[in-house]
Amino acid sequence: MSMNPTHTWPAIPALLALVLLAGCRREAPAPEPATPQAEAGAEAAGDGQGTAATPLVLEDVIETDPRYVVGISYPPGIDAEPGLARALHAYAEAARAELRQAVAGLGANPTAPYELSLGFRQLVRTADVVAVAADGSLYTGGAHGQPLVARFVWLPKQQRMLTAESLLASREGWEPVAAYIGEQLGTAAHIRASDEALAPEERANLLAMALKTIDQGTEPRPENFAQFEPVPGADGRIGALRFVFPPYQVGPYADGVQTVEVPASVLMPYLADDVRGLFAG
């Protein structure tokens, strides 16, 4: 078992450094406005067989304007899987649409430019599984940006995305899985609350709030576990799933992204039949 309940965000400023190269690269035109939820759902869903659209070539995006800055990067060669490419593109376009909507509501240039920084990283590529992480930030005013955290697990042989809804054989299976994850997060919360620099009352309040947030964020429903990434085992199959929780879901913004690895042995009794063979053990 391995557990990394507190995870820092990737170096997002590195993406925005791409803006400095804008003079050397083609600036991508802004697409027509669209509803983020509708656009993401339509493009990612396709027809379930990876044939709903022509192959999509993903290119890094740089946009600069006195009001906003956009930097989006894709991993090389990821568009070899058209269905996965459409899902990544849909997610990025939904974020751009949200930024455009915020910019459209400006009466004047903002004090600090609005900003979308989004990076896609390939995590795993085998004949059975291709996994991609999306991490970034969308800033449209306020104290800090909105974290963007998503994971995409594509099954090339089945030509579909592995989702929380299709991972387990039944919704009831989420009860033991959620209990396992909640226990790991709770242990980490106890460690954080044991800081002797805090007064006893402060430690008690911190722990109580943390445990309440964890309980709410890990209720045994698939939507609470939508973001996960495979951890390869020694035999090349999936040895564990690392569940990823964005800020606010199981802790305050200051705690950042939190993750918990659930071994394949814990998941195995509850996995759906059509994905069981992907897992070790």
C-alpha atoms as a PDB file:
ATOM      1  CA  MET A   1       0.000   0.000   0.000  1.00  0.00           C
ATOM      2  CA  SER A   2       1.251   3.458  -0.771  1.00  0.00           C
ATOM      3  CA  MET A   3      -0.464   6.715  -0.052  1.00  0.00           C
ATOM      4  CA  ASN A   4       0.374  10.283  -0.929  1.00  0.00           C
ATOM      5  CA  PRO A   5      -2.494  12.286   0.538  1.00  0.00           C
ATOM      6  CA  THR A   6      -1.012  15.700  -0.077  1.00  0.00           C
ATOM      7  CA  HIS A   7       0.235  16.420  -3.552  1.00  0.00           C
ATOM      8  CA  THR A   8       1.584  19.676  -4.914  1.00  0.00           C
ATOM      9  CA  TRP A   9       0.487  21.087  -8.231  1.00  0.00           C
ATOM     10  CA  PRO A  10       2.840  20.828 -11.211  1.00  0.00           C
ATOM     11  CA  ALA A  11       4.954  23.763 -12.268  1.00  0.00           C
ATOM     12  CA  ILE A  12       2.213  25.629 -14.102  1.00  0.00           C
ATOM     13  CA  PRO A  13       4.341  28.755 -14.741  1.00  0.00           C
ATOM     14  CA  ALA A  14       6.462  26.645 -17.051  1.00  0.00           C
ATOM     15  CA  LEU A  15       3.506  26.400 -19.382  1.00  0.00           C
ATOM     16  CA  LEU A  16       3.016  30.119 -19.427  1.00  0.00           C
ATOM     17  CA  ALA A  17       6.673  30.524 -20.334  1.00  0.00           C
ATOM     18  CA  LEU A  18       5.575  29.265 -23.718  1.00  0.00           C
ATOM     19  CA  VAL A  19       4.019  32.665 -24.242  1.00  0.00           C
ATOM     20  CA  LEU A  20       7.507  34.056 -24.688  1.00  0.00           C
ATOM     21  CA  LEU A  21       7.768  31.928 -27.801  1.00  0.00           C
ATOM     22  CA  ALA A  22       4.580  33.303 -29.287  1.00  0.00           C
ATOM     23  CA  GLY A  23       6.473  35.239 -31.892  1.00  0.00           C
ATOM     24  CA  CYS A  24       7.943  31.986 -33.206  1.00  0.00           C
ATOM     25  CA  ARG A  25       4.759  29.937 -33.221  1.00  0.00           C
ATOM     26  CA  ARG A  26       1.352  30.180 -34.745  1.00  0.00           C
ATOM     27  CA  GLU A  27      -1.181  31.745 -32.428  1.00  0.00           C
ATOM     28  CA  ALA A  28      -4.270  29.553 -32.332  1.00  0.00           C
ATOM     29  CA  PRO A  29      -7.519  31.285 -33.233  1.00  0.00           C
ATOM     30  CA  ALA A  30     -10.148  31.463 -30.533  1.00  0.00           C
ATOM     31  CA  PRO A  31     -13.014  29.044 -31.225  1.00  0.00           C
ATOM     32  CA  GLU A  32     -16.619  30.088 -31.312  1.00  0.00           C
ATOM     33  CA  PRO A  33     -18.299  30.400 -27.893  1.00  0.00           C
ATOM     34  CA  ALA A  34     -19.835  27.214 -26.555  1.00  0.00           C
ATOM     35  CA  THR A  35     -21.249  25.896 -23.335  1.00  0.00           C
ATOM     36  CA  PRO A  36     -18.344  24.136 -21.575  1.00  0.00           C
ATOM     37  CA  GLN A  37     -20.415  21.256 -20.247  1.00  0.00           C
ATOM     38  CA  ALA A  38     -22.176  20.590 -23.544  1.00  0.00           C
ATOM     39  CA  GLU A  39     -18.990  20.882 -25.598  1.00  0.00           C
ATOM     40  CA  ALA A  40     -16.984  18.579 -23.335  1.00  0.00           C
ATOM     41  CA  GLY A  41     -19.759  16.001 -23.165  1.00  0.00           C
ATOM     42  CA  ALA A  42     -20.367  15.913 -26.904  1.00  0.00           C
ATOM     43  CA  GLU A  43     -16.718  15.678 -27.956  1.00  0.00           C
ATOM     44  CA  ALA A  44     -15.633  13.224 -25.281  1.00  0.00           C
ATOM     45  CA  ALA A  45     -18.580  10.886 -25.730  1.00  0.00           C
ATOM     46  CA  GLY A  46     -18.340  10.394 -29.501  1.00  0.00           C
ATOM     47  CA  ASP A  47     -20.176   7.204 -30.385  1.00  0.00           C
ATOM     48  CA  GLY A  48     -18.284   5.044 -27.879  1.00  0.00           C
ATOM     49  CA  GLN A  49     -16.308   3.444 -30.724  1.00  0.00           C
ATOM     50  CA  GLY A  50     -13.826   6.193 -31.543  1.00  0.00           C
ATOM     51  CA  THR A  51     -15.369   6.855 -34.956  1.00  0.00           C
ATOM     52  CA  ALA A  52     -17.670   9.817 -34.312  1.00  0.00           C
ATOM     53  CA  ALA A  53     -15.240  12.361 -35.747  1.00  0.00           C
ATOM     54  CA  THR A  54     -12.329  12.555 -38.094  1.00  0.00           C
ATOM     55  CA  PRO A  55      -8.862  12.217 -36.540  1.00  0.00           C
ATOM     56  CA  LEU A  56      -7.972  15.279 -34.502  1.00  0.00           C
ATOM     57  CA  VAL A  57      -4.467  16.755 -34.504  1.00  0.00           C
ATOM     58  CA  LEU A  58      -3.739  18.325 -31.141  1.00  0.00           C
ATOM     59  CA  GLU A  59      -1.453  21.349 -31.172  1.00  0.00           C
ATOM     60  CA  ASP A  60      -0.166  23.409 -28.269  1.00  0.00           C
ATOM     61  CA  VAL A  61      -2.029  26.680 -27.848  1.00  0.00           C
ATOM     62  CA  ILE A  62      -0.669  30.130 -27.060  1.00  0.00           C
ATOM     63  CA  GLU A  63      -2.961  33.162 -26.895  1.00  0.00           C
ATOM     64  CA  THR A  64      -2.010  36.602 -25.644  1.00  0.00           C
ATOM     65  CA  ASP A  65      -4.189  39.642 -25.178  1.00  0.00           C
ATOM     66  CA  PRO A  66      -4.084  42.655 -22.840  1.00  0.00           C
ATOM     67  CA  ARG A  67      -6.950  41.026 -20.969  1.00  0.00           C
ATOM     68  CA  TYR A  68      -5.840  37.389 -20.813  1.00  0.00           C
ATOM     69  CA  VAL A  69      -3.129  34.797 -21.430  1.00  0.00           C
ATOM     70  CA  VAL A  70      -3.676  31.184 -22.490  1.00  0.00           C
ATOM     71  CA  GLY A  71      -1.145  28.349 -22.538  1.00  0.00           C
ATOM     72  CA  ILE A  72      -2.174  24.753 -23.311  1.00  0.00           C
ATOM     73  CA  SER A  73       0.242  21.901 -23.985  1.00  0.00           C
ATOM     74  CA  TYR A  74      -0.414  18.326 -25.138  1.00  0.00           C
ATOM     75  CA  PRO A  75       1.911  15.314 -24.963  1.00  0.00           C
ATOM     76  CA  PRO A  76       3.497  14.391 -28.310  1.00  0.00           C
ATOM     77  CA  GLY A  77       1.728  11.673 -30.291  1.00  0.00           C
ATOM     78  CA  ILE A  78      -1.310  11.475 -28.050  1.00  0.00           C
ATOM     79  CA  ASP A  79      -3.608  12.089 -31.025  1.00  0.00           C
ATOM     80  CA  ALA A  80      -2.725   8.578 -32.240  1.00  0.00           C
ATOM     81  CA  GLU A  81      -5.795   7.609 -30.196  1.00  0.00           C
ATOM     82  CA  PRO A  82      -8.599   9.693 -31.765  1.00  0.00           C
ATOM     83  CA  GLY A  83     -11.150   9.033 -29.042  1.00  0.00           C
ATOM     84  CA  LEU A  84      -8.745  10.091 -26.326  1.00  0.00           C
ATOM     85  CA  ALA A  85      -7.636  13.116 -28.340  1.00  0.00           C
ATOM     86  CA  ARG A  86     -11.242  14.302 -28.633  1.00  0.00           C
ATOM     87  CA  ALA A  87     -11.728  14.003 -24.870  1.00  0.00           C
ATOM     88  CA  LEU A  88      -8.596  16.034 -24.125  1.00  0.00           C
ATOM     89  CA  HIS A  89      -9.564  18.645 -26.693  1.00  0.00           C
ATOM     90  CA  ALA A  90     -13.075  18.881 -25.246  1.00  0.00           C
ATOM     91  CA  TYR A  91     -11.722  19.466 -21.743  1.00  0.00           C
ATOM     92  CA  ALA A  92      -9.354  22.178 -22.947  1.00  0.00           C
ATOM     93  CA  GLU A  93     -12.040  23.867 -25.031  1.00  0.00           C
ATOM     94  CA  ALA A  94     -14.445  23.881 -22.077  1.00  0.00           C
ATOM     95  CA  ALA A  95     -11.818  25.698 -19.996  1.00  0.00           C
ATOM     96  CA  ARG A  96     -11.195  28.185 -22.824  1.00  0.00           C
ATOM     97  CA  ALA A  97     -14.936  28.803 -23.123  1.00  0.00           C
ATOM     98  CA  GLU A  98     -15.127  29.571 -19.409  1.00  0.00           C
ATOM     99  CA  LEU A  99     -12.260  32.024 -19.747  1.00  0.00           C
ATOM    100  CA  ARG A 100     -13.882  33.690 -22.767  1.00  0.00           C
ATOM    101  CA  GLN A 101     -17.128  34.064 -20.874  1.00  0.00           C
ATOM    102  CA  ALA A 102     -15.344  35.776 -17.990  1.00  0.00           C
ATOM    103  CA  VAL A 103     -13.411  38.054 -20.352  1.00  0.00           C
ATOM    104  CA  ALA A 104     -16.618  38.999 -22.149  1.00  0.00           C
ATOM    105  CA  GLY A 105     -18.032  40.277 -18.875  1.00  0.00           C
ATOM    106  CA  LEU A 106     -15.146  42.691 -18.273  1.00  0.00           C
ATOM    107  CA  GLY A 107     -15.923  46.380 -18.482  1.00  0.00           C
ATOM    108  CA  ALA A 108     -12.233  47.257 -18.775  1.00  0.00           C
ATOM    109  CA  ASN A 109      -8.893  45.497 -18.727  1.00  0.00           C
ATOM    110  CA  PRO A 110      -8.416  43.647 -15.435  1.00  0.00           C
ATOM    111  CA  THR A 111      -5.722  44.718 -12.967  1.00  0.00           C
ATOM    112  CA  ALA A 112      -4.050  41.369 -13.543  1.00  0.00           C
ATOM    113  CA  PRO A 113      -4.665  39.533 -16.839  1.00  0.00           C
ATOM    114  CA  TYR A 114      -6.996  36.582 -16.681  1.00  0.00           C
ATOM    115  CA  GLU A 115      -5.112  33.382 -17.248  1.00  0.00           C
ATOM    116  CA  LEU A 116      -5.611  29.806 -18.397  1.00  0.00           C
ATOM    117  CA  SER A 117      -2.660  27.467 -17.936  1.00  0.00           C
ATOM    118  CA  LEU A 118      -3.287  23.813 -18.723  1.00  0.00           C
ATOM    119  CA  GLY A 119      -0.850  20.972 -19.263  1.00  0.00           C
ATOM    120  CA  PHE A 120      -1.623  17.415 -20.345  1.00  0.00           C
ATOM    121  CA  ARG A 121       0.930  14.718 -19.399  1.00  0.00           C
ATOM    122  CA  GLN A 122       1.016  11.132 -20.584  1.00  0.00           C
ATOM    123  CA  LEU A 123       1.237   8.892 -17.526  1.00  0.00           C
ATOM    124  CA  VAL A 124       0.942   5.369 -18.939  1.00  0.00           C
ATOM    125  CA  ARG A 125       0.985   3.884 -22.421  1.00  0.00           C
ATOM    126  CA  THR A 126       0.568   0.154 -22.986  1.00  0.00           C
ATOM    127  CA  ALA A 127      -1.371  -1.892 -25.515  1.00  0.00           C
ATOM    128  CA  ASP A 128      -4.287  -1.966 -23.056  1.00  0.00           C
ATOM    129  CA  VAL A 129      -4.201   1.413 -21.317  1.00  0.00           C
ATOM    130  CA  VAL A 130      -3.249   4.987 -22.156  1.00  0.00           C
ATOM    131  CA  ALA A 131      -3.525   7.415 -19.263  1.00  0.00           C
ATOM    132  CA  VAL A 132      -3.214  11.193 -19.358  1.00  0.00           C
ATOM    133  CA  ALA A 133      -3.216  13.759 -16.552  1.00  0.00           C
ATOM    134  CA  ALA A 134      -4.528  17.294 -16.960  1.00  0.00           C
ATOM    135  CA  ASP A 135      -3.401  19.867 -14.413  1.00  0.00           C
ATOM    136  CA  GLY A 136      -3.615  23.605 -14.503  1.00  0.00           C
ATOM    137  CA  SER A 137      -5.313  26.722 -13.301  1.00  0.00           C
ATOM    138  CA  LEU A 138      -7.973  29.131 -14.523  1.00  0.00           C
ATOM    139  CA  TYR A 139      -7.726  32.640 -13.097  1.00  0.00           C
ATOM    140  CA  THR A 140     -10.634  35.026 -13.586  1.00  0.00           C
ATOM    141  CA  GLY A 141     -10.060  37.363 -10.668  1.00  0.00           C
ATOM    142  CA  GLY A 142     -10.017  36.903  -6.931  1.00  0.00           C
ATOM    143  CA  ALA A 143      -7.367  35.670  -4.527  1.00  0.00           C
ATOM    144  CA  HIS A 144      -6.297  32.673  -6.576  1.00  0.00           C
ATOM    145  CA  GLY A 145      -7.113  30.643  -9.662  1.00  0.00           C
ATOM    146  CA  GLN A 146      -9.517  27.771 -10.001  1.00  0.00           C
ATOM    147  CA  PRO A 147      -7.532  24.513 -10.051  1.00  0.00           C
ATOM    148  CA  LEU A 148      -8.050  22.316 -13.097  1.00  0.00           C
ATOM    149  CA  VAL A 149      -7.558  18.638 -12.263  1.00  0.00           C
ATOM    150  CA  ALA A 150      -8.638  15.763 -14.509  1.00  0.00           C
ATOM    151  CA  ARG A 151      -7.504  12.263 -15.408  1.00  0.00           C
ATOM    152  CA  PHE A 152      -8.238  10.336 -18.613  1.00  0.00           C
ATOM    153  CA  VAL A 153      -7.814   6.549 -18.802  1.00  0.00           C
ATOM    154  CA  TRP A 154      -8.331   5.296 -22.349  1.00  0.00           C
ATOM    155  CA  LEU A 155      -8.723   1.606 -23.234  1.00  0.00           C
ATOM    156  CA  PRO A 156      -7.466   1.253 -26.848  1.00  0.00           C
ATOM    157  CA  LYS A 157      -8.691  -2.317 -27.373  1.00  0.00           C
ATOM    158  CA  GLN A 158     -12.175  -1.414 -26.132  1.00  0.00           C
ATOM    159  CA  GLN A 159     -12.114   2.061 -27.707  1.00  0.00           C
ATOM    160  CA  ARG A 160     -13.619   3.716 -24.673  1.00  0.00           C
ATOM    161  CA  MET A 161     -12.747   5.681 -21.574  1.00  0.00           C
ATOM    162  CA  LEU A 162     -12.488   3.878 -18.257  1.00  0.00           C
ATOM    163  CA  THR A 163     -14.618   5.932 -15.890  1.00  0.00           C
ATOM    164  CA  ALA A 164     -15.678   5.617 -12.279  1.00  0.00           C
ATOM    165  CA  GLU A 165     -19.152   4.643 -13.501  1.00  0.00           C
ATOM    166  CA  SER A 166     -17.768   1.713 -15.506  1.00  0.00           C
ATOM    167  CA  LEU A 167     -14.944   0.692 -13.153  1.00  0.00           C
ATOM    168  CA  LEU A 168     -16.896  -1.383 -10.631  1.00  0.00           C
ATOM    169  CA  ALA A 169     -19.540  -4.046 -11.185  1.00  0.00           C
ATOM    170  CA  SER A 170     -22.080  -2.198  -9.012  1.00  0.00           C
ATOM    171  CA  ARG A 171     -22.483   1.046  -7.101  1.00  0.00           C
ATOM    172  CA  GLU A 172     -22.415  -0.943  -3.873  1.00  0.00           C
ATOM    173  CA  GLY A 173     -18.761  -1.712  -4.543  1.00  0.00           C
ATOM    174  CA  TRP A 174     -17.903   1.903  -3.833  1.00  0.00           C
ATOM    175  CA  GLU A 175     -18.724   1.449  -0.158  1.00  0.00           C
ATOM    176  CA  PRO A 176     -15.609  -0.613   0.749  1.00  0.00           C
ATOM    177  CA  VAL A 177     -13.444   1.333  -1.693  1.00  0.00           C
ATOM    178  CA  ALA A 178     -14.602   4.661  -0.256  1.00  0.00           C
ATOM    179  CA  ALA A 179     -14.004   3.361   3.263  1.00  0.00           C
ATOM    180  CA  TYR A 180     -10.431   2.430   2.368  1.00  0.00           C
ATOM    181  CA  ILE A 181      -9.753   5.838   0.822  1.00  0.00           C
ATOM    182  CA  GLY A 182     -11.409   7.692   3.680  1.00  0.00           C
ATOM    183  CA  GLU A 183      -9.245   5.840   6.184  1.00  0.00           C
ATOM    184  CA  GLN A 184      -6.039   6.856   4.386  1.00  0.00           C
ATOM    185  CA  LEU A 185      -7.113  10.477   4.137  1.00  0.00           C
ATOM    186  CA  GLY A 186      -8.180  10.447   7.790  1.00  0.00           C
ATOM    187  CA  THR A 187      -4.776   9.168   8.857  1.00  0.00           C
ATOM    188  CA  ALA A 188      -3.105  12.007   6.978  1.00  0.00           C
ATOM    189  CA  ALA A 189      -5.495  14.505   8.591  1.00  0.00           C
ATOM    190  CA  HIS A 190      -4.561  13.226  12.061  1.00  0.00           C
ATOM    191  CA  ILE A 191      -0.872  13.708  11.233  1.00  0.00           C
ATOM    192  CA  ARG A 192      -1.428  17.276  10.055  1.00  0.00           C
ATOM    193  CA  ALA A 193      -3.498  18.076  13.154  1.00  0.00           C
ATOM    194  CA  SER A 194      -0.773  16.819  15.466  1.00  0.00           C
ATOM    195  CA  ASP A 195       1.323  19.932  14.830  1.00  0.00           C
ATOM    196  CA  GLU A 196       2.459  20.972  18.293  1.00  0.00           C
ATOM    197  CA  ALA A 197       2.809  24.568  17.128  1.00  0.00           C
ATOM    198  CA  LEU A 198      -0.978  24.770  17.355  1.00  0.00           C
ATOM    199  CA  ALA A 199      -2.944  25.101  20.558  1.00  0.00           C
ATOM    200  CA  PRO A 200      -4.860  21.947  21.593  1.00  0.00           C
ATOM    201  CA  GLU A 201      -8.189  23.585  20.798  1.00  0.00           C
ATOM    202  CA  GLU A 202      -6.951  24.616  17.353  1.00  0.00           C
ATOM    203  CA  ARG A 203      -5.730  21.081  16.658  1.00  0.00           C
ATOM    204  CA  ALA A 204      -9.072  19.627  17.696  1.00  0.00           C
ATOM    205  CA  ASN A 205     -11.021  22.058  15.510  1.00  0.00           C
ATOM    206  CA  LEU A 206      -8.705  21.466  12.553  1.00  0.00           C
ATOM    207  CA  LEU A 207      -9.105  17.715  12.826  1.00  0.00           C
ATOM    208  CA  ALA A 208     -12.886  17.874  13.215  1.00  0.00           C
ATOM    209  CA  MET A 209     -13.249  20.058  10.135  1.00  0.00           C
ATOM    210  CA  ALA A 210     -10.878  17.881   8.124  1.00  0.00           C
ATOM    211  CA  LEU A 211     -12.672  14.657   8.973  1.00  0.00           C
ATOM    212  CA  LYS A 212     -16.056  16.182   8.144  1.00  0.00           C
ATOM    213  CA  THR A 213     -14.779  17.332   4.753  1.00  0.00           C
ATOM    214  CA  ILE A 214     -13.292  13.898   4.072  1.00  0.00           C
ATOM    215  CA  ASP A 215     -16.556  12.175   4.972  1.00  0.00           C
ATOM    216  CA  GLN A 216     -18.486  14.412   2.584  1.00  0.00           C
ATOM    217  CA  GLY A 217     -15.928  14.178  -0.216  1.00  0.00           C
ATOM    218  CA  THR A 218     -15.666  10.373  -0.080  1.00  0.00           C
ATOM    219  CA  GLU A 219     -19.319   9.419   0.112  1.00  0.00           C
ATOM    220  CA  PRO A 220     -19.585   6.093  -1.783  1.00  0.00           C
ATOM    221  CA  ARG A 221     -20.740   7.512  -5.104  1.00  0.00           C
ATOM    222  CA  PRO A 222     -18.777   7.168  -8.353  1.00  0.00           C
ATOM    223  CA  GLU A 223     -18.827  10.903  -9.021  1.00  0.00           C
ATOM    224  CA  ASN A 224     -16.659  11.429  -5.924  1.00  0.00           C
ATOM    225  CA  PHE A 225     -13.959   9.204  -7.438  1.00  0.00           C
ATOM    226  CA  ALA A 226     -14.071  10.416 -11.025  1.00  0.00           C
ATOM    227  CA  GLN A 227     -10.366  11.288 -11.200  1.00  0.00           C
ATOM    228  CA  PHE A 228      -7.943   8.373 -11.026  1.00  0.00           C
ATOM    229  CA  GLU A 229      -4.793   7.189 -12.740  1.00  0.00           C
ATOM    230  CA  PRO A 230      -3.347   3.681 -13.111  1.00  0.00           C
ATOM    231  CA  VAL A 231      -0.147   2.699 -11.320  1.00  0.00           C
ATOM    232  CA  PRO A 232       1.592  -0.049 -13.349  1.00  0.00           C
ATOM    233  CA  GLY A 233       2.452  -3.262 -11.543  1.00  0.00           C
ATOM    234  CA  ALA A 234       5.503  -5.454 -12.008  1.00  0.00           C
ATOM    235  CA  ASP A 235       3.819  -7.523 -14.720  1.00  0.00           C
ATOM    236  CA  GLY A 236       2.727  -4.481 -16.732  1.00  0.00           C
ATOM    237  CA  ARG A 237      -0.875  -4.677 -15.630  1.00  0.00           C
ATOM    238  CA  ILE A 238      -2.469  -2.142 -13.278  1.00  0.00           C
ATOM    239  CA  GLY A 239      -1.084  -2.675  -9.796  1.00  0.00           C
ATOM    240  CA  ALA A 240      -3.103   0.119  -8.171  1.00  0.00           C
ATOM    241  CA  LEU A 241      -5.283   3.088  -8.929  1.00  0.00           C
ATOM    242  CA  ARG A 242      -4.247   6.472  -7.614  1.00  0.00           C
ATOM    243  CA  PHE A 243      -7.396   8.461  -6.857  1.00  0.00           C
ATOM    244  CA  VAL A 244      -6.928  12.200  -7.212  1.00  0.00           C
ATOM    245  CA  PHE A 245      -8.920  14.771  -5.238  1.00  0.00           C
ATOM    246  CA  PRO A 246      -8.785  18.447  -6.226  1.00  0.00           C
ATOM    247  CA  PRO A 247      -8.645  21.207  -3.622  1.00  0.00           C
ATOM    248  CA  TYR A 248     -11.823  21.623  -1.560  1.00  0.00           C
ATOM    249  CA  GLN A 249     -13.131  18.077  -2.144  1.00  0.00           C
ATOM    250  CA  VAL A 250     -11.427  16.425   0.837  1.00  0.00           C
ATOM    251  CA  GLY A 251      -9.634  19.386   2.379  1.00  0.00           C
ATOM    252  CA  PRO A 252      -9.103  23.145   2.223  1.00  0.00           C
ATOM    253  CA  TYR A 253      -7.519  24.913  -0.723  1.00  0.00           C
ATOM    254  CA  ALA A 254      -4.237  25.172   1.184  1.00  0.00           C
ATOM    255  CA  ASP A 255      -3.908  21.376   1.256  1.00  0.00           C
ATOM    256  CA  GLY A 256      -3.751  21.314  -2.551  1.00  0.00           C
ATOM    257  CA  VAL A 257      -4.393  18.168  -4.565  1.00  0.00           C
ATOM    258  CA  GLN A 258      -4.543  15.011  -2.445  1.00  0.00           C
ATOM    259  CA  THR A 259      -4.092  11.463  -3.685  1.00  0.00           C
ATOM    260  CA  VAL A 260      -4.602   7.955  -2.335  1.00  0.00           C
ATOM    261  CA  GLU A 261      -3.375   4.756  -3.977  1.00  0.00           C
ATOM    262  CA  VAL A 262      -5.735   1.797  -3.761  1.00  0.00           C
ATOM    263  CA  PRO A 263      -4.025  -1.546  -4.499  1.00  0.00           C
ATOM    264  CA  ALA A 264      -5.495  -3.834  -7.138  1.00  0.00           C
ATOM    265  CA  SER A 265      -6.048  -6.429  -4.399  1.00  0.00           C
ATOM    266  CA  VAL A 266      -8.510  -4.067  -2.691  1.00  0.00           C
ATOM    267  CA  LEU A 267     -10.329  -3.296  -5.940  1.00  0.00           C
ATOM    268  CA  MET A 268     -10.363  -6.790  -7.419  1.00  0.00           C
ATOM    269  CA  PRO A 269     -13.516  -8.165  -5.699  1.00  0.00           C
ATOM    270  CA  TYR A 270     -15.567  -5.233  -6.982  1.00  0.00           C
ATOM    271  CA  LEU A 271     -14.220  -4.656 -10.502  1.00  0.00           C
ATOM    272  CA  ALA A 272     -16.458  -4.956 -13.554  1.00  0.00           C
ATOM    273  CA  ASP A 273     -15.854  -8.125 -15.542  1.00  0.00           C
ATOM    274  CA  ASP A 274     -14.729  -6.301 -18.703  1.00  0.00           C
ATOM    275  CA  VAL A 275     -11.844  -4.534 -16.922  1.00  0.00           C
ATOM    276  CA  ARG A 276     -10.802  -7.169 -14.370  1.00  0.00           C
ATOM    277  CA  GLY A 277      -8.140  -8.568 -16.709  1.00  0.00           C
ATOM    278  CA  LEU A 278      -6.379  -5.192 -16.814  1.00  0.00           C
ATOM    279  CA  PHE A 279      -5.464  -5.463 -13.137  1.00  0.00           C
ATOM    280  CA  ALA A 280      -2.659  -7.437 -11.505  1.00  0.00           C
ATOM    281  CA  GLY A 281      -3.624 -10.317  -9.248  1.00  0.00           C
END
